[in-house]
Each structure stands twice: as C-alpha cells, then as structure tokens.
Protein backbone atom coordinates (compact mmCIF):
# COMPACT_ATOMS: atom_id res chain seq x y z
CA MET A 1 -32.96 -26.57 -101.49
CA LEU A 2 -32.59 -27.37 -104.92
CA LEU A 3 -29.09 -26.56 -104.84
CA ILE A 4 -28.41 -28.92 -101.95
CA ARG A 5 -30.02 -31.68 -103.65
CA ALA A 6 -28.10 -31.41 -106.71
CA LEU A 7 -24.73 -31.19 -105.08
CA SER A 8 -25.77 -34.31 -102.94
CA ALA A 9 -26.53 -35.80 -106.58
CA ILE A 10 -23.31 -34.75 -108.10
CA VAL A 11 -21.16 -35.99 -105.38
CA LEU A 12 -23.36 -39.52 -104.92
CA LEU A 13 -23.91 -40.32 -108.69
CA PRO A 14 -20.33 -40.90 -109.84
CA ILE A 15 -19.54 -43.19 -106.62
CA ALA A 16 -23.01 -45.18 -107.83
CA VAL A 17 -21.95 -45.58 -111.21
CA VAL A 18 -18.25 -46.97 -110.43
CA LEU A 19 -19.73 -49.23 -107.77
CA ILE A 20 -22.29 -50.45 -110.54
CA LEU A 21 -19.53 -51.24 -112.71
CA LEU A 22 -17.47 -53.05 -110.36
CA GLY A 23 -20.18 -55.52 -109.13
CA GLY A 24 -19.16 -58.31 -107.01
CA TRP A 25 -18.31 -57.72 -103.49
CA ALA A 26 -18.04 -54.00 -104.02
CA LEU A 27 -21.52 -53.65 -104.80
CA THR A 28 -22.54 -55.73 -102.05
CA GLY A 29 -20.34 -54.90 -99.50
CA VAL A 30 -21.52 -51.25 -100.10
CA LEU A 31 -25.70 -52.14 -100.11
CA ILE A 32 -24.77 -54.26 -97.17
CA VAL A 33 -23.88 -50.54 -95.21
CA VAL A 34 -26.07 -48.33 -97.18
CA LEU A 35 -29.12 -51.40 -96.07
CA GLY A 36 -27.72 -51.35 -92.93
CA VAL A 37 -28.15 -47.48 -91.92
CA ALA A 38 -31.39 -47.31 -93.61
CA ALA A 39 -32.30 -50.32 -91.40
CA LEU A 40 -31.58 -48.75 -88.06
CA GLU A 41 -33.44 -45.43 -89.43
CA TYR A 42 -36.40 -47.58 -90.19
CA VAL A 43 -35.80 -49.13 -86.48
CA ARG A 44 -35.53 -45.38 -84.75
CA LEU A 45 -38.90 -44.37 -87.05
CA MET A 46 -40.84 -47.17 -85.33
CA GLN A 47 -39.14 -46.20 -81.88
CA ARG A 48 -41.33 -43.08 -82.34
CA GLY A 49 -44.05 -44.76 -82.93
CA GLY A 50 -43.34 -47.20 -79.63
CA TYR A 51 -42.26 -50.15 -81.19
CA ARG A 52 -39.39 -51.68 -80.72
CA PRO A 53 -38.27 -54.01 -83.74
CA THR A 54 -34.53 -55.28 -83.44
CA TRP A 55 -32.05 -53.68 -85.40
CA TRP A 56 -29.42 -56.60 -85.50
CA ILE A 57 -31.96 -59.14 -86.57
CA ILE A 58 -32.85 -56.81 -89.56
CA LEU A 59 -29.50 -56.31 -90.12
CA SER A 60 -28.69 -60.27 -90.03
CA LEU A 61 -31.54 -61.04 -92.62
CA ILE A 62 -30.38 -58.26 -95.37
CA VAL A 63 -26.78 -59.46 -94.86
CA VAL A 64 -27.86 -63.39 -95.87
CA LEU A 65 -29.87 -61.84 -98.67
CA LEU A 66 -27.43 -59.93 -100.18
CA ILE A 67 -24.89 -62.10 -100.01
CA ASP A 68 -26.60 -65.36 -101.06
CA PRO A 69 -26.61 -64.58 -104.81
CA ILE A 70 -23.01 -63.94 -104.99
CA LEU A 71 -22.62 -67.30 -102.95
CA SER A 72 -25.00 -69.14 -104.99
CA GLN A 73 -25.63 -71.27 -101.93
CA SER A 74 -29.44 -72.19 -102.63
CA THR A 75 -30.63 -72.92 -99.14
CA LEU A 76 -28.79 -70.25 -97.12
CA THR A 77 -31.92 -68.04 -98.03
CA SER A 78 -34.30 -70.42 -96.61
CA THR A 79 -32.56 -71.54 -93.78
CA ALA A 80 -31.77 -67.58 -93.15
CA LEU A 81 -35.66 -67.13 -93.41
CA SER A 82 -36.35 -70.11 -91.03
CA LEU A 83 -33.72 -69.10 -88.27
CA ALA A 84 -35.33 -65.29 -88.62
CA LEU A 85 -38.83 -66.36 -87.79
CA ILE A 86 -38.02 -68.18 -85.16
CA VAL A 87 -34.93 -66.26 -83.38
CA SER A 88 -37.24 -63.07 -83.80
CA LEU A 89 -40.09 -64.27 -81.97
CA ALA A 90 -37.79 -66.19 -79.13
CA TRP A 91 -36.16 -62.74 -78.61
CA GLN A 92 -39.34 -61.29 -77.93
CA LEU A 93 -39.89 -63.36 -75.34
CA THR A 94 -37.22 -62.39 -73.31
CA ARG A 95 -37.90 -58.31 -73.89
CA ARG A 96 -40.90 -58.11 -72.02
CA SER A 97 -42.23 -55.51 -74.30
CA PRO A 98 -45.95 -54.56 -74.24
CA SER A 99 -45.59 -54.54 -77.88
CA ALA A 100 -43.79 -57.70 -78.12
CA THR A 101 -45.94 -59.15 -80.93
CA ALA A 102 -46.10 -55.89 -82.63
CA ASP A 103 -42.17 -55.84 -82.48
CA TRP A 104 -41.56 -59.23 -84.11
CA ALA A 105 -43.66 -58.68 -87.03
CA LEU A 106 -41.99 -55.39 -87.50
CA THR A 107 -38.57 -57.10 -87.08
CA LEU A 108 -39.89 -59.36 -89.71
CA ALA A 109 -40.88 -56.86 -92.41
CA GLY A 110 -38.07 -54.62 -91.76
CA GLY A 111 -35.66 -57.40 -93.02
CA LEU A 112 -37.72 -58.57 -95.70
CA TYR A 113 -38.61 -54.82 -97.13
CA LEU A 114 -34.63 -54.08 -97.24
CA GLY A 115 -33.07 -57.41 -97.50
CA TRP A 116 -35.42 -58.90 -100.37
CA ALA A 117 -35.47 -55.83 -101.93
CA GLY A 118 -32.12 -55.21 -101.94
CA ARG A 119 -30.78 -58.35 -103.17
CA HIS A 120 -32.45 -57.56 -106.58
CA PHE A 121 -29.34 -54.64 -106.96
CA ILE A 122 -27.58 -57.90 -107.09
CA LEU A 123 -29.93 -60.07 -109.15
CA ILE A 124 -30.02 -57.29 -111.82
CA ARG A 125 -26.20 -56.84 -112.06
CA GLU A 126 -25.79 -60.36 -112.62
CA PHE A 127 -27.78 -60.60 -115.91
CA PRO A 128 -26.00 -60.38 -119.49
CA ASN A 129 -25.13 -56.82 -120.03
CA GLY A 130 -26.29 -56.46 -115.79
CA ALA A 131 -23.80 -53.18 -114.99
CA LEU A 132 -26.00 -51.45 -117.96
CA TRP A 133 -29.74 -53.20 -117.10
CA LEU A 134 -28.96 -52.01 -113.15
CA LEU A 135 -27.79 -48.23 -114.47
CA LEU A 136 -31.06 -48.21 -116.93
CA VAL A 137 -33.21 -49.46 -113.46
CA LEU A 138 -31.87 -46.66 -111.62
CA THR A 139 -31.74 -43.86 -113.77
CA GLY A 140 -34.96 -44.32 -114.91
CA THR A 141 -36.19 -43.94 -111.31
CA TRP A 142 -33.84 -40.71 -110.90
CA PHE A 143 -35.05 -38.96 -113.93
CA ALA A 144 -38.59 -39.33 -112.78
CA ASP A 145 -38.08 -38.38 -109.37
CA SER A 146 -36.02 -35.00 -110.89
CA GLY A 147 -38.75 -34.67 -113.39
CA ALA A 148 -41.53 -34.89 -110.89
CA TYR A 149 -39.80 -32.03 -109.11
CA LEU A 150 -39.15 -29.57 -111.20
CA VAL A 151 -42.36 -29.92 -112.79
CA GLY A 152 -44.20 -30.42 -109.65
CA VAL A 153 -42.39 -27.17 -108.16
CA ARG A 154 -43.46 -25.17 -110.96
CA TRP A 155 -46.78 -26.55 -111.99
CA GLY A 156 -48.16 -28.54 -109.22
CA ARG A 157 -51.84 -27.96 -108.30
CA HIS A 158 -53.36 -31.21 -107.52
CA LYS A 159 -52.07 -32.89 -104.96
CA LEU A 160 -51.43 -36.85 -105.34
CA ALA A 161 -51.79 -37.75 -101.50
CA PRO A 162 -52.04 -35.08 -99.30
CA MET A 163 -52.00 -36.89 -96.52
CA LEU A 164 -49.14 -38.56 -96.86
CA SER A 165 -47.05 -36.18 -98.81
CA PRO A 166 -48.42 -33.15 -99.26
CA LYS A 167 -46.04 -31.53 -102.02
CA LYS A 168 -46.25 -34.38 -104.58
CA SER A 169 -48.83 -33.85 -107.37
CA TRP A 170 -50.70 -35.31 -110.86
CA GLU A 171 -48.57 -32.59 -112.44
CA GLY A 172 -45.27 -33.66 -110.95
CA LEU A 173 -46.02 -37.34 -111.63
CA ILE A 174 -47.08 -36.93 -115.08
CA GLY A 175 -43.91 -34.73 -115.44
CA GLY A 176 -41.79 -37.30 -113.99
CA ILE A 177 -43.26 -40.23 -116.24
CA ALA A 178 -42.38 -37.90 -119.10
CA LEU A 179 -38.90 -37.17 -118.23
CA GLY A 180 -37.89 -40.77 -116.87
CA VAL A 181 -39.72 -42.28 -120.16
CA ALA A 182 -38.12 -40.19 -122.42
CA ALA A 183 -34.41 -39.23 -121.05
CA ASN A 184 -34.05 -43.30 -120.16
CA ALA A 185 -34.96 -44.30 -123.54
CA LEU A 186 -32.02 -41.99 -125.21
CA LEU A 187 -30.09 -43.48 -122.45
CA ALA A 188 -30.36 -46.94 -123.60
CA LEU A 189 -29.57 -45.75 -127.23
CA ALA A 190 -26.75 -44.51 -126.15
CA VAL A 191 -25.48 -47.59 -124.31
CA SER A 192 -26.50 -49.75 -127.42
CA LEU A 193 -29.55 -51.27 -125.43
CA PRO A 194 -33.23 -51.34 -127.04
CA ALA A 195 -35.16 -47.76 -126.43
CA LEU A 196 -38.46 -49.51 -126.00
CA HIS A 197 -36.46 -51.47 -122.57
CA GLY A 198 -35.17 -48.03 -121.37
CA ALA A 199 -38.68 -46.57 -121.75
CA MET A 200 -40.54 -49.13 -119.91
CA LEU A 201 -37.93 -48.91 -116.88
CA GLY A 202 -38.29 -45.19 -116.79
CA LEU A 203 -42.32 -45.62 -116.69
CA SER A 204 -41.55 -48.36 -114.07
CA GLY A 205 -39.46 -45.82 -112.23
CA ALA A 206 -41.46 -43.28 -112.00
CA THR A 207 -44.84 -45.10 -111.25
CA LEU A 208 -43.86 -47.63 -108.68
CA GLY A 209 -40.79 -45.61 -107.28
CA THR A 210 -43.56 -43.14 -106.09
CA LEU A 211 -45.59 -46.05 -104.68
CA GLY A 212 -42.17 -46.76 -102.98
CA ASP A 213 -42.04 -42.82 -101.85
CA LEU A 214 -45.44 -42.90 -100.72
CA SER A 215 -44.91 -45.85 -98.70
CA ILE A 216 -41.82 -44.51 -96.63
CA SER A 217 -44.16 -41.34 -96.46
CA MET A 218 -46.90 -43.44 -95.01
CA MET A 219 -44.79 -44.76 -92.04
CA LYS A 220 -43.27 -41.54 -91.29
CA ARG A 221 -46.69 -39.68 -91.15
CA GLN A 222 -47.82 -42.78 -89.01
CA VAL A 223 -45.21 -41.95 -86.13
CA GLY A 224 -45.32 -38.21 -86.83
CA ALA A 225 -41.66 -38.01 -88.62
CA LYS A 226 -40.74 -35.61 -91.59
CA ASP A 227 -37.96 -37.21 -92.41
CA SER A 228 -35.89 -40.84 -91.54
CA GLY A 229 -32.73 -39.25 -90.69
CA ARG A 230 -30.41 -36.02 -91.94
CA LEU A 231 -27.60 -38.01 -93.18
CA ILE A 232 -27.96 -36.83 -96.85
CA PRO A 233 -28.03 -32.75 -97.49
CA GLY A 234 -31.35 -32.15 -99.00
CA HIS A 235 -32.71 -35.60 -99.20
CA GLY A 236 -32.97 -36.36 -95.59
CA GLY A 237 -31.96 -39.70 -94.34
CA VAL A 238 -30.70 -42.98 -96.38
CA LEU A 239 -34.28 -44.68 -96.27
CA ASP A 240 -35.55 -41.20 -97.73
CA ARG A 241 -33.36 -41.65 -100.60
CA ILE A 242 -33.70 -45.39 -101.42
CA ASP A 243 -37.51 -45.88 -100.95
CA SER A 244 -38.37 -45.32 -104.62
CA LEU A 245 -35.42 -47.24 -105.92
CA ILE A 246 -36.31 -50.42 -103.80
CA PHE A 247 -40.01 -50.91 -105.26
CA ALA A 248 -37.89 -49.52 -108.78
CA VAL A 249 -35.27 -52.69 -108.47
CA LEU A 250 -38.25 -55.35 -107.53
CA ALA A 251 -40.19 -53.83 -110.80
CA GLY A 252 -37.21 -53.65 -112.73
CA TYR A 253 -35.84 -57.35 -112.31
CA LEU A 254 -39.55 -58.95 -112.81
CA TYR A 255 -39.67 -56.87 -116.21
CA LEU A 256 -36.11 -58.04 -117.10
CA SER A 257 -36.56 -61.41 -116.45
CA TRP A 258 -40.22 -61.54 -118.07
CA PHE A 259 -39.38 -59.68 -121.12
CA VAL A 260 -35.87 -59.02 -121.79
CA GLN A 261 -34.36 -62.18 -120.94
CA HIS A 262 -36.99 -64.38 -122.88
CA VAL A 263 -36.22 -62.17 -125.97
CA SER A 264 -32.75 -62.39 -125.55
CA GLY A 265 -32.60 -66.34 -125.04
C-alpha cells in the first residue's frame, strides 16, 4: 500500500507543481475537472444513503465560483448563488422525490463545499508570489499527511476518531504536525520566503487538513462507504485525495490575507 501511495504521489506531484506555476486558465481548467469528478463522487456517496443531489447544479456552481476570480466580475458569484438557490429548489419540484428537501440542501452544500473552497486555490495564486504561497499551502498538508501516516503506522496507539477513521491516531497527528511545520519552514527558506509563515501554513495543513479528512470520513461512514472512489491507486477517489486540501486552502487564504498581506503591504 505504501509503495502504491508513493508511486501515485510521484506521478501527481510534478503535474500539480507545473499547474501551480502556470496559474491562470490552465490551473482553473484542471481544477474544474478535478472538482467536477469530486462532485460526481459526492453525489454517488449521497445516493448510497438514499439521497439524490443534482450533479449538474453542483458542477455549475463550481464552474462559476472558479472562473469568477479570473474574470473579475464582482456580480457573477452573487448572481450564480441566487440562481442556484432558486433553480435547485425548483428542480426538486419536478422530481417528486421523497427526500426532495434533503436533496436540495445537499445540492447546495456540495456546490458550496467544493466550489467555494476550490476558488481559494485561484485566490491564493493571485497573491504576490502566489505560486510559491500556494505551493507552501499544499506542501504543508502533504508533509503533514506523510508524517501522520508514517508515525501512525509505526507508533500509533491512541485512536483520534475511531468511529470515523479507525487508522488515525493522536501519535500520527503529532507526527504530522512535527513534519508539516519543520519541512514547510525549510521549504519556505529554500524559496526565499519567511520560515515562520511556512511553519504556520504547515501547522494549519496538519490540523485543519485532518479536520477536512475526518469530515469526508463522516460522510462516508454515514452512507456505509469506505472510499469515495477508486480513481487514484492507494488513495481512493478524488474526493479522498483533496478532502484535507479543501480545508487547508481556506485556512491558508485567511492566514495569508490577515498576516502576510498586511505585513508585505
């Protein structure tokens, strides 16, 4: 399993780095595809629980929320959210589903969950030195995930959330924090950015990234699923792979907005 996970990372990591460096429509287009697949996995998970959220509405929200920062249209997001609110509810009236209200709520939640979080990849990339900051947000999570896995497998004894994710341990979380903070601080120095900010992004990736992971685990356990899909060998589905990043980019954007931008400005 470890070998398969490592091989998947070796293939995907260079692609991610190239897209971060390119930015613009290349990054946005790939994010739309990735989040669109994640949305499909989310819909299928909910279907296992007897619900019927609408994938095309979720995808539409994702597309609009991601292209809005590129187009810089201040009214685009508010228009899309207003239409989504009305259209998604009206659509349920035509389906005559016994879970129509829950389906409507899950549709909006899925679109906001993936689309609103996804737009923060783009927003971070648009900061000064945005490519490097986005890289640090992501590597902080990846370092922490690797540290948690390695320490947890070797020394994990005390379960972190046994009802949601039986393999996660407090020892693993501590190992993830240690590696995420230390390695990200060193990487920040290597790209001529303050080590403190790299360390803080590593810390948020380790802690909030874990919450993002557990949040998807909560959804999967509720519908009786182990993985969201099987697209990525050793990692499960796309949603399984980006669950921690979704929380990490939100936290990273807030941290950069509150501290780094003010400091640099």
